[in-house]
Amino acid sequence: MVIQLLNGLQLAMLLFLLSVGLSVVFGLMRFVNLAHGTLFMLGAFVGLSTVEATGSFWWALAAGTAAAAVAGGLLYLGLLRHLQPAGPLKQVLVTFGLVFIGLEAARIVWGDYAERLPGPEVLAGATEIFGVVYPTYRLFVIALGLAVAALLHFGLERTRLGAVVRAGVDDRTMTAALGIDIDRVFFAVFVVGCALAGLAGVVAGPVLSVYAGMDMGVLILALVVVVVGGPGSLKGAFAGALLVGMAETFGQVWLPEVAGMLLYGLMAAVLVLRPQGLVPAGPRP
């Protein structure tokens, strides 16, 4: 039971790192970016190449995060900002096309074989916790996710930038009327969300392996997290990630025959009983 709880928590922290940017961007900009998972895959591949070149996991962590942030920023400036007023259907179609472009680009550059991104030597081995022996690297993933969640909570709740972001979620027009360059703020938030997707990709490499197409499975889980938790909500992303991570882990162990249906049943139940999500971001006209 303890091992499965830790496995569920580790998966939840990976999903949180990936989905929090997707959730906040949707809440701020009402933009459905299905290419968010492609940035996750880009971070993983750049991290893999960096490890092979330098032998350092920490350089890989920095390089993968930076690559996803730069790619996301360029993608936003060159294409996505022009789609913002186009409506969700066009956004979904264009960003879904970007998923396939990213998949083929990854196959051309890195090949079509799965590779394991080596974790840092300092985190190799196992640690005894709660009476069980558990891989140290997976405990690092849990700690990293919790640390990022705490940092984001502080940034959104205790800083002026966080107040601007929360105001933009509630009422973008009024926030802009106060003289705040809301578009620049939203761009910064978008880039941070992309960077977190790249960070998640590198962190997931030693656990899930790195391969072309690794983005699709986690993207579906991330979308479920956003729907369950509530779009635009940091707390909702965290709560949704915990719920989905635990449901996915224990479903595979206890109900493997219906594990694939369990998440979608959970999402359907939330949509019927609480359409705004478990922890909604707040009112928005």
C-alpha atoms as a PDB file:
ATOM      1  CA  MET A   1       0.000   0.000   0.000  1.00  0.00           C
ATOM      2  CA  VAL A   2       2.796   2.445   0.913  1.00  0.00           C
ATOM      3  CA  ILE A   3       4.659   1.718  -2.312  1.00  0.00           C
ATOM      4  CA  GLN A   4       1.546   2.280  -4.401  1.00  0.00           C
ATOM      5  CA  LEU A   5       0.807   5.526  -2.537  1.00  0.00           C
ATOM      6  CA  LEU A   6       4.318   6.732  -3.325  1.00  0.00           C
ATOM      7  CA  ASN A   7       3.947   5.634  -6.955  1.00  0.00           C
ATOM      8  CA  GLY A   8       0.673   7.538  -7.196  1.00  0.00           C
ATOM      9  CA  LEU A   9       2.226  10.616  -5.623  1.00  0.00           C
ATOM     10  CA  GLN A  10       5.196  10.470  -7.987  1.00  0.00           C
ATOM     11  CA  LEU A  11       2.903  10.227 -11.020  1.00  0.00           C
ATOM     12  CA  ALA A  12       0.774  13.043  -9.605  1.00  0.00           C
ATOM     13  CA  MET A  13       3.797  15.359  -9.309  1.00  0.00           C
ATOM     14  CA  LEU A  14       4.818  14.636 -12.913  1.00  0.00           C
ATOM     15  CA  LEU A  15       1.273  15.369 -14.065  1.00  0.00           C
ATOM     16  CA  PHE A  16       1.207  18.548 -12.001  1.00  0.00           C
ATOM     17  CA  LEU A  17       4.429  19.847 -13.582  1.00  0.00           C
ATOM     18  CA  LEU A  18       3.000  19.160 -17.027  1.00  0.00           C
ATOM     19  CA  SER A  19      -0.594  20.258 -16.498  1.00  0.00           C
ATOM     20  CA  VAL A  20      -0.206  23.400 -14.384  1.00  0.00           C
ATOM     21  CA  GLY A  21       1.006  25.437 -17.364  1.00  0.00           C
ATOM     22  CA  LEU A  22      -1.740  24.034 -19.578  1.00  0.00           C
ATOM     23  CA  SER A  23      -4.368  24.816 -16.947  1.00  0.00           C
ATOM     24  CA  VAL A  24      -3.238  28.360 -16.132  1.00  0.00           C
ATOM     25  CA  VAL A  25      -2.799  29.268 -19.816  1.00  0.00           C
ATOM     26  CA  PHE A  26      -6.317  28.061 -20.565  1.00  0.00           C
ATOM     27  CA  GLY A  27      -7.678  29.977 -17.606  1.00  0.00           C
ATOM     28  CA  LEU A  28      -5.861  33.164 -18.581  1.00  0.00           C
ATOM     29  CA  MET A  29      -6.126  33.137 -22.353  1.00  0.00           C
ATOM     30  CA  ARG A  30      -8.946  30.697 -23.066  1.00  0.00           C
ATOM     31  CA  PHE A  31      -6.492  28.969 -25.398  1.00  0.00           C
ATOM     32  CA  VAL A  32      -6.565  25.193 -25.947  1.00  0.00           C
ATOM     33  CA  ASN A  33      -2.919  24.285 -26.619  1.00  0.00           C
ATOM     34  CA  LEU A  34      -2.681  20.598 -27.486  1.00  0.00           C
ATOM     35  CA  ALA A  35       0.968  21.137 -28.457  1.00  0.00           C
ATOM     36  CA  HIS A  36       1.821  21.478 -24.766  1.00  0.00           C
ATOM     37  CA  GLY A  37       2.700  17.773 -24.689  1.00  0.00           C
ATOM     38  CA  THR A  38       5.098  18.281 -27.603  1.00  0.00           C
ATOM     39  CA  LEU A  39       7.083  20.714 -25.445  1.00  0.00           C
ATOM     40  CA  PHE A  40       7.202  17.983 -22.787  1.00  0.00           C
ATOM     41  CA  MET A  41       8.724  15.638 -25.368  1.00  0.00           C
ATOM     42  CA  LEU A  42      11.131  18.334 -26.602  1.00  0.00           C
ATOM     43  CA  GLY A  43      12.427  18.892 -23.082  1.00  0.00           C
ATOM     44  CA  ALA A  44      13.005  15.159 -22.675  1.00  0.00           C
ATOM     45  CA  PHE A  45      14.914  14.814 -25.956  1.00  0.00           C
ATOM     46  CA  VAL A  46      17.032  17.925 -25.391  1.00  0.00           C
ATOM     47  CA  GLY A  47      17.798  16.627 -21.905  1.00  0.00           C
ATOM     48  CA  LEU A  48      18.821  13.260 -23.355  1.00  0.00           C
ATOM     49  CA  SER A  49      21.139  14.901 -25.888  1.00  0.00           C
ATOM     50  CA  THR A  50      22.640  17.091 -23.162  1.00  0.00           C
ATOM     51  CA  VAL A  51      23.347  14.105 -20.926  1.00  0.00           C
ATOM     52  CA  GLU A  52      25.042  12.327 -23.811  1.00  0.00           C
ATOM     53  CA  ALA A  53      27.180  15.411 -24.526  1.00  0.00           C
ATOM     54  CA  THR A  54      28.048  16.476 -20.966  1.00  0.00           C
ATOM     55  CA  GLY A  55      27.317  13.488 -18.756  1.00  0.00           C
ATOM     56  CA  SER A  56      25.435  15.757 -16.338  1.00  0.00           C
ATOM     57  CA  PHE A  57      21.776  15.283 -15.484  1.00  0.00           C
ATOM     58  CA  TRP A  58      21.622  18.768 -13.961  1.00  0.00           C
ATOM     59  CA  TRP A  59      22.795  20.410 -17.179  1.00  0.00           C
ATOM     60  CA  ALA A  60      20.173  18.303 -18.963  1.00  0.00           C
ATOM     61  CA  LEU A  61      17.519  19.594 -16.562  1.00  0.00           C
ATOM     62  CA  ALA A  62      18.479  23.191 -17.303  1.00  0.00           C
ATOM     63  CA  ALA A  63      18.807  22.658 -21.068  1.00  0.00           C
ATOM     64  CA  GLY A  64      15.485  20.816 -21.449  1.00  0.00           C
ATOM     65  CA  THR A  65      13.633  23.440 -19.436  1.00  0.00           C
ATOM     66  CA  ALA A  66      15.199  26.301 -21.400  1.00  0.00           C
ATOM     67  CA  ALA A  67      14.574  24.630 -24.768  1.00  0.00           C
ATOM     68  CA  ALA A  68      10.862  24.180 -24.020  1.00  0.00           C
ATOM     69  CA  ALA A  69      10.589  27.781 -22.803  1.00  0.00           C
ATOM     70  CA  VAL A  70      12.278  29.194 -25.930  1.00  0.00           C
ATOM     71  CA  ALA A  71      10.317  26.946 -28.296  1.00  0.00           C
ATOM     72  CA  GLY A  72       7.051  27.846 -26.558  1.00  0.00           C
ATOM     73  CA  GLY A  73       7.817  31.561 -26.704  1.00  0.00           C
ATOM     74  CA  LEU A  74       8.669  31.440 -30.406  1.00  0.00           C
ATOM     75  CA  LEU A  75       5.593  29.334 -31.114  1.00  0.00           C
ATOM     76  CA  TYR A  76       3.398  31.818 -29.291  1.00  0.00           C
ATOM     77  CA  LEU A  77       4.858  34.890 -31.020  1.00  0.00           C
ATOM     78  CA  GLY A  78       4.862  33.295 -34.455  1.00  0.00           C
ATOM     79  CA  LEU A  79       1.538  31.468 -34.466  1.00  0.00           C
ATOM     80  CA  LEU A  80      -0.479  30.941 -31.313  1.00  0.00           C
ATOM     81  CA  ARG A  81      -1.185  34.579 -30.446  1.00  0.00           C
ATOM     82  CA  HIS A  82      -2.822  34.992 -33.857  1.00  0.00           C
ATOM     83  CA  LEU A  83      -5.121  32.066 -33.056  1.00  0.00           C
ATOM     84  CA  GLN A  84      -6.261  33.438 -29.711  1.00  0.00           C
ATOM     85  CA  PRO A  85      -9.362  35.223 -31.103  1.00  0.00           C
ATOM     86  CA  ALA A  86     -10.066  32.402 -33.572  1.00  0.00           C
ATOM     87  CA  GLY A  87     -12.085  30.217 -31.219  1.00  0.00           C
ATOM     88  CA  PRO A  88     -11.454  26.792 -29.666  1.00  0.00           C
ATOM     89  CA  LEU A  89     -12.153  24.718 -32.793  1.00  0.00           C
ATOM     90  CA  LYS A  90      -9.390  26.337 -34.860  1.00  0.00           C
ATOM     91  CA  GLN A  91      -7.066  26.307 -31.847  1.00  0.00           C
ATOM     92  CA  VAL A  92      -7.566  22.575 -31.383  1.00  0.00           C
ATOM     93  CA  LEU A  93      -7.103  21.804 -35.087  1.00  0.00           C
ATOM     94  CA  VAL A  94      -3.926  23.869 -35.473  1.00  0.00           C
ATOM     95  CA  THR A  95      -2.266  22.731 -32.247  1.00  0.00           C
ATOM     96  CA  PHE A  96      -3.262  19.114 -32.966  1.00  0.00           C
ATOM     97  CA  GLY A  97      -1.452  19.497 -36.277  1.00  0.00           C
ATOM     98  CA  LEU A  98       1.578  20.766 -34.371  1.00  0.00           C
ATOM     99  CA  VAL A  99       1.538  17.529 -32.373  1.00  0.00           C
ATOM    100  CA  PHE A 100       2.116  15.508 -35.544  1.00  0.00           C
ATOM    101  CA  ILE A 101       4.733  17.944 -36.814  1.00  0.00           C
ATOM    102  CA  GLY A 102       6.582  17.619 -33.513  1.00  0.00           C
ATOM    103  CA  LEU A 103       6.304  13.820 -33.639  1.00  0.00           C
ATOM    104  CA  GLU A 104       7.831  13.568 -37.105  1.00  0.00           C
ATOM    105  CA  ALA A 105      10.516  16.133 -36.258  1.00  0.00           C
ATOM    106  CA  ALA A 106      11.504  14.076 -33.201  1.00  0.00           C
ATOM    107  CA  ARG A 107      11.729  10.929 -35.317  1.00  0.00           C
ATOM    108  CA  ILE A 108      13.925  12.684 -37.884  1.00  0.00           C
ATOM    109  CA  VAL A 109      16.301  14.235 -35.343  1.00  0.00           C
ATOM    110  CA  TRP A 110      16.451  11.587 -32.597  1.00  0.00           C
ATOM    111  CA  GLY A 111      15.173   8.420 -34.234  1.00  0.00           C
ATOM    112  CA  ASP A 112      12.280   6.131 -33.396  1.00  0.00           C
ATOM    113  CA  TYR A 113      13.758   4.128 -30.536  1.00  0.00           C
ATOM    114  CA  ALA A 114      13.097   4.448 -26.814  1.00  0.00           C
ATOM    115  CA  GLU A 115      16.076   5.430 -24.672  1.00  0.00           C
ATOM    116  CA  ARG A 116      16.422   5.789 -20.935  1.00  0.00           C
ATOM    117  CA  LEU A 117      17.661   9.163 -19.740  1.00  0.00           C
ATOM    118  CA  PRO A 118      20.179   8.383 -16.980  1.00  0.00           C
ATOM    119  CA  GLY A 119      19.380   9.968 -13.647  1.00  0.00           C
ATOM    120  CA  PRO A 120      21.958  11.683 -11.449  1.00  0.00           C
ATOM    121  CA  GLU A 121      24.377   9.393  -9.637  1.00  0.00           C
ATOM    122  CA  VAL A 122      23.720  11.145  -6.333  1.00  0.00           C
ATOM    123  CA  LEU A 123      20.096   9.977  -6.514  1.00  0.00           C
ATOM    124  CA  ALA A 124      20.855   6.398  -7.560  1.00  0.00           C
ATOM    125  CA  GLY A 125      19.844   3.552  -5.307  1.00  0.00           C
ATOM    126  CA  ALA A 126      16.988   3.363  -2.843  1.00  0.00           C
ATOM    127  CA  THR A 127      15.941   4.940   0.438  1.00  0.00           C
ATOM    128  CA  GLU A 128      13.946   3.439   3.277  1.00  0.00           C
ATOM    129  CA  ILE A 129      10.808   5.455   3.986  1.00  0.00           C
ATOM    130  CA  PHE A 130       7.717   4.497   5.993  1.00  0.00           C
ATOM    131  CA  GLY A 131       9.111   1.008   6.425  1.00  0.00           C
ATOM    132  CA  VAL A 132       9.609   0.279   2.707  1.00  0.00           C
ATOM    133  CA  VAL A 133      12.567   0.655   0.351  1.00  0.00           C
ATOM    134  CA  TYR A 134      11.799   3.076  -2.469  1.00  0.00           C
ATOM    135  CA  PRO A 135      13.931   4.451  -5.355  1.00  0.00           C
ATOM    136  CA  THR A 136      15.629   7.676  -4.309  1.00  0.00           C
ATOM    137  CA  TYR A 137      15.111   9.314  -7.700  1.00  0.00           C
ATOM    138  CA  ARG A 138      11.343   8.878  -7.464  1.00  0.00           C
ATOM    139  CA  LEU A 139      11.403  10.556  -4.063  1.00  0.00           C
ATOM    140  CA  PHE A 140      13.281  13.418  -5.740  1.00  0.00           C
ATOM    141  CA  VAL A 141      10.468  13.709  -8.302  1.00  0.00           C
ATOM    142  CA  ILE A 142       7.920  13.962  -5.490  1.00  0.00           C
ATOM    143  CA  ALA A 143       9.988  16.580  -3.653  1.00  0.00           C
ATOM    144  CA  LEU A 144      10.527  18.595  -6.845  1.00  0.00           C
ATOM    145  CA  GLY A 145       6.815  18.649  -7.641  1.00  0.00           C
ATOM    146  CA  LEU A 146       5.937  19.767  -4.120  1.00  0.00           C
ATOM    147  CA  ALA A 147       8.634  22.458  -4.215  1.00  0.00           C
ATOM    148  CA  VAL A 148       7.402  23.821  -7.563  1.00  0.00           C
ATOM    149  CA  ALA A 149       3.816  23.816  -6.282  1.00  0.00           C
ATOM    150  CA  ALA A 150       4.864  25.776  -3.176  1.00  0.00           C
ATOM    151  CA  LEU A 151       6.886  28.244  -5.269  1.00  0.00           C
ATOM    152  CA  LEU A 152       4.025  28.825  -7.707  1.00  0.00           C
ATOM    153  CA  HIS A 153       1.573  29.253  -4.838  1.00  0.00           C
ATOM    154  CA  PHE A 154       3.822  31.878  -3.276  1.00  0.00           C
ATOM    155  CA  GLY A 155       4.257  33.642  -6.613  1.00  0.00           C
ATOM    156  CA  LEU A 156       0.535  33.755  -7.338  1.00  0.00           C
ATOM    157  CA  GLU A 157      -0.667  34.570  -3.826  1.00  0.00           C
ATOM    158  CA  ARG A 158       2.090  36.766  -2.377  1.00  0.00           C
ATOM    159  CA  THR A 159       3.535  38.845  -5.225  1.00  0.00           C
ATOM    160  CA  ARG A 160       2.296  41.712  -7.355  1.00  0.00           C
ATOM    161  CA  LEU A 161       2.713  39.665 -10.530  1.00  0.00           C
ATOM    162  CA  GLY A 162       0.548  36.965  -9.006  1.00  0.00           C
ATOM    163  CA  ALA A 163      -2.126  39.532  -8.190  1.00  0.00           C
ATOM    164  CA  VAL A 164      -2.062  40.729 -11.807  1.00  0.00           C
ATOM    165  CA  VAL A 165      -2.368  37.164 -13.081  1.00  0.00           C
ATOM    166  CA  ARG A 166      -5.302  36.409 -10.777  1.00  0.00           C
ATOM    167  CA  ALA A 167      -6.970  39.659 -11.787  1.00  0.00           C
ATOM    168  CA  GLY A 168      -6.467  38.783 -15.450  1.00  0.00           C
ATOM    169  CA  VAL A 169      -8.146  35.427 -14.897  1.00  0.00           C
ATOM    170  CA  ASP A 170     -11.147  37.065 -13.218  1.00  0.00           C
ATOM    171  CA  ASP A 171     -11.547  40.041 -15.564  1.00  0.00           C
ATOM    172  CA  ARG A 172      -9.071  40.658 -18.359  1.00  0.00           C
ATOM    173  CA  THR A 173     -10.790  43.813 -19.660  1.00  0.00           C
ATOM    174  CA  MET A 174     -10.806  45.581 -16.291  1.00  0.00           C
ATOM    175  CA  THR A 175      -7.195  44.592 -15.637  1.00  0.00           C
ATOM    176  CA  ALA A 176      -6.109  46.100 -18.968  1.00  0.00           C
ATOM    177  CA  ALA A 177      -8.158  49.236 -18.228  1.00  0.00           C
ATOM    178  CA  LEU A 178      -5.994  49.806 -15.141  1.00  0.00           C
ATOM    179  CA  GLY A 179      -2.991  50.357 -17.407  1.00  0.00           C
ATOM    180  CA  ILE A 180      -1.478  46.888 -17.052  1.00  0.00           C
ATOM    181  CA  ASP A 181       0.065  45.350 -20.187  1.00  0.00           C
ATOM    182  CA  ILE A 182      -1.885  42.150 -19.744  1.00  0.00           C
ATOM    183  CA  ASP A 183      -0.640  40.661 -23.022  1.00  0.00           C
ATOM    184  CA  ARG A 184       2.957  40.829 -21.794  1.00  0.00           C
ATOM    185  CA  VAL A 185       1.965  39.241 -18.502  1.00  0.00           C
ATOM    186  CA  PHE A 186       0.135  36.465 -20.306  1.00  0.00           C
ATOM    187  CA  PHE A 187       3.158  35.871 -22.552  1.00  0.00           C
ATOM    188  CA  ALA A 188       5.391  35.525 -19.487  1.00  0.00           C
ATOM    189  CA  VAL A 189       2.954  33.060 -17.909  1.00  0.00           C
ATOM    190  CA  PHE A 190       2.777  31.094 -21.170  1.00  0.00           C
ATOM    191  CA  VAL A 191       6.579  30.805 -21.315  1.00  0.00           C
ATOM    192  CA  VAL A 192       6.744  29.693 -17.670  1.00  0.00           C
ATOM    193  CA  GLY A 193       4.114  27.035 -18.382  1.00  0.00           C
ATOM    194  CA  CYS A 194       6.144  25.803 -21.371  1.00  0.00           C
ATOM    195  CA  ALA A 195       9.301  25.729 -19.240  1.00  0.00           C
ATOM    196  CA  LEU A 196       7.533  23.562 -16.656  1.00  0.00           C
ATOM    197  CA  ALA A 197       6.471  21.179 -19.429  1.00  0.00           C
ATOM    198  CA  GLY A 198      10.119  20.859 -20.500  1.00  0.00           C
ATOM    199  CA  LEU A 199      11.165  20.361 -16.875  1.00  0.00           C
ATOM    200  CA  ALA A 200       8.592  17.588 -16.543  1.00  0.00           C
ATOM    201  CA  GLY A 201       9.920  15.950 -19.702  1.00  0.00           C
ATOM    202  CA  VAL A 202      13.490  15.774 -18.386  1.00  0.00           C
ATOM    203  CA  VAL A 203      12.365  14.598 -14.954  1.00  0.00           C
ATOM    204  CA  ALA A 204      10.181  11.903 -16.533  1.00  0.00           C
ATOM    205  CA  GLY A 205      13.028  10.615 -18.736  1.00  0.00           C
ATOM    206  CA  PRO A 206      14.612   8.287 -16.149  1.00  0.00           C
ATOM    207  CA  VAL A 207      11.172   6.953 -15.172  1.00  0.00           C
ATOM    208  CA  LEU A 208       9.224   6.642 -18.453  1.00  0.00           C
ATOM    209  CA  SER A 209      12.062   6.543 -21.033  1.00  0.00           C
ATOM    210  CA  VAL A 210      12.358   8.989 -23.931  1.00  0.00           C
ATOM    211  CA  TYR A 211      10.813   8.191 -27.313  1.00  0.00           C
ATOM    212  CA  ALA A 212       8.967   9.856 -30.153  1.00  0.00           C
ATOM    213  CA  GLY A 213       5.296   9.876 -29.199  1.00  0.00           C
ATOM    214  CA  MET A 214       5.802   9.975 -25.429  1.00  0.00           C
ATOM    215  CA  ASP A 215       3.772  13.187 -25.401  1.00  0.00           C
ATOM    216  CA  MET A 216       0.432  11.663 -26.378  1.00  0.00           C
ATOM    217  CA  GLY A 217      -0.170   9.484 -23.329  1.00  0.00           C
ATOM    218  CA  VAL A 218       0.754  12.151 -20.793  1.00  0.00           C
ATOM    219  CA  LEU A 219      -1.158  14.850 -22.699  1.00  0.00           C
ATOM    220  CA  ILE A 220      -4.394  12.904 -22.301  1.00  0.00           C
ATOM    221  CA  LEU A 221      -3.754  12.555 -18.576  1.00  0.00           C
ATOM    222  CA  ALA A 222      -2.901  16.271 -18.342  1.00  0.00           C
ATOM    223  CA  LEU A 223      -6.168  17.217 -20.044  1.00  0.00           C
ATOM    224  CA  VAL A 224      -8.070  15.048 -17.566  1.00  0.00           C
ATOM    225  CA  VAL A 225      -6.219  16.826 -14.731  1.00  0.00           C
ATOM    226  CA  VAL A 226      -7.244  20.226 -16.112  1.00  0.00           C
ATOM    227  CA  VAL A 227     -10.897  19.227 -16.459  1.00  0.00           C
ATOM    228  CA  VAL A 228     -11.091  17.569 -13.046  1.00  0.00           C
ATOM    229  CA  GLY A 229      -9.180  20.254 -11.154  1.00  0.00           C
ATOM    230  CA  GLY A 230     -10.650  23.294 -12.855  1.00  0.00           C
ATOM    231  CA  PRO A 231      -9.093  25.339 -15.688  1.00  0.00           C
ATOM    232  CA  GLY A 232      -7.002  28.305 -14.607  1.00  0.00           C
ATOM    233  CA  SER A 233      -6.574  27.161 -11.021  1.00  0.00           C
ATOM    234  CA  LEU A 234      -3.206  26.297  -9.465  1.00  0.00           C
ATOM    235  CA  LYS A 235      -4.893  24.556  -6.568  1.00  0.00           C
ATOM    236  CA  GLY A 236      -7.173  22.801  -9.019  1.00  0.00           C
ATOM    237  CA  ALA A 237      -4.207  21.537 -11.044  1.00  0.00           C
ATOM    238  CA  PHE A 238      -2.614  20.186  -7.865  1.00  0.00           C
ATOM    239  CA  ALA A 239      -5.825  18.557  -6.624  1.00  0.00           C
ATOM    240  CA  GLY A 240      -6.614  17.148 -10.066  1.00  0.00           C
ATOM    241  CA  ALA A 241      -3.083  15.755 -10.448  1.00  0.00           C
ATOM    242  CA  LEU A 242      -3.312  14.026  -7.070  1.00  0.00           C
ATOM    243  CA  LEU A 243      -6.690  12.523  -7.879  1.00  0.00           C
ATOM    244  CA  VAL A 244      -5.717  11.385 -11.377  1.00  0.00           C
ATOM    245  CA  GLY A 245      -2.319  10.078 -10.258  1.00  0.00           C
ATOM    246  CA  MET A 246      -3.840   7.990  -7.494  1.00  0.00           C
ATOM    247  CA  ALA A 247      -6.717   6.777  -9.661  1.00  0.00           C
ATOM    248  CA  GLU A 248      -4.326   5.744 -12.441  1.00  0.00           C
ATOM    249  CA  THR A 249      -1.937   3.969 -10.064  1.00  0.00           C
ATOM    250  CA  PHE A 250      -4.449   2.113  -7.933  1.00  0.00           C
ATOM    251  CA  GLY A 251      -6.656   1.411 -10.931  1.00  0.00           C
ATOM    252  CA  GLN A 252      -3.795  -0.444 -12.638  1.00  0.00           C
ATOM    253  CA  VAL A 253      -3.185  -2.485  -9.466  1.00  0.00           C
ATOM    254  CA  TRP A 254      -6.687  -3.203  -8.177  1.00  0.00           C
ATOM    255  CA  LEU A 255      -8.902  -2.938 -11.280  1.00  0.00           C
ATOM    256  CA  PRO A 256      -6.653  -3.564 -14.293  1.00  0.00           C
ATOM    257  CA  GLU A 257      -9.611  -4.707 -16.431  1.00  0.00           C
ATOM    258  CA  VAL A 258     -11.344  -1.320 -16.200  1.00  0.00           C
ATOM    259  CA  ALA A 259      -8.368   0.930 -15.423  1.00  0.00           C
ATOM    260  CA  GLY A 260      -8.608   2.564 -18.849  1.00  0.00           C
ATOM    261  CA  MET A 261     -12.243   3.499 -18.197  1.00  0.00           C
ATOM    262  CA  LEU A 262     -11.722   4.674 -14.642  1.00  0.00           C
ATOM    263  CA  LEU A 263     -10.179   8.057 -15.464  1.00  0.00           C
ATOM    264  CA  TYR A 264     -12.819   8.925 -18.035  1.00  0.00           C
ATOM    265  CA  GLY A 265     -15.564   7.888 -15.646  1.00  0.00           C
ATOM    266  CA  LEU A 266     -13.998  10.173 -13.052  1.00  0.00           C
ATOM    267  CA  MET A 267     -13.863  13.033 -15.528  1.00  0.00           C
ATOM    268  CA  ALA A 268     -17.478  12.453 -16.600  1.00  0.00           C
ATOM    269  CA  ALA A 269     -18.626  12.458 -12.985  1.00  0.00           C
ATOM    270  CA  VAL A 270     -16.870  15.767 -12.307  1.00  0.00           C
ATOM    271  CA  LEU A 271     -18.356  17.303 -15.464  1.00  0.00           C
ATOM    272  CA  VAL A 272     -21.855  16.255 -14.417  1.00  0.00           C
ATOM    273  CA  LEU A 273     -21.652  17.124 -10.715  1.00  0.00           C
ATOM    274  CA  ARG A 274     -19.240  20.080 -10.788  1.00  0.00           C
ATOM    275  CA  PRO A 275     -18.643  21.353 -14.345  1.00  0.00           C
ATOM    276  CA  GLN A 276     -16.322  24.161 -13.185  1.00  0.00           C
ATOM    277  CA  GLY A 277     -13.905  21.619 -11.659  1.00  0.00           C
ATOM    278  CA  LEU A 278     -13.060  20.701  -8.088  1.00  0.00           C
ATOM    279  CA  VAL A 279     -11.220  23.946  -7.330  1.00  0.00           C
ATOM    280  CA  PRO A 280     -12.297  26.569  -9.899  1.00  0.00           C
ATOM    281  CA  ALA A 281     -10.140  29.642 -10.495  1.00  0.00           C
ATOM    282  CA  GLY A 282     -12.935  32.118  -9.794  1.00  0.00           C
ATOM    283  CA  PRO A 283     -15.639  34.039 -11.610  1.00  0.00           C
ATOM    284  CA  ARG A 284     -15.043  35.297 -15.111  1.00  0.00           C
ATOM    285  CA  PRO A 285     -17.538  37.201 -17.258  1.00  0.00           C
END
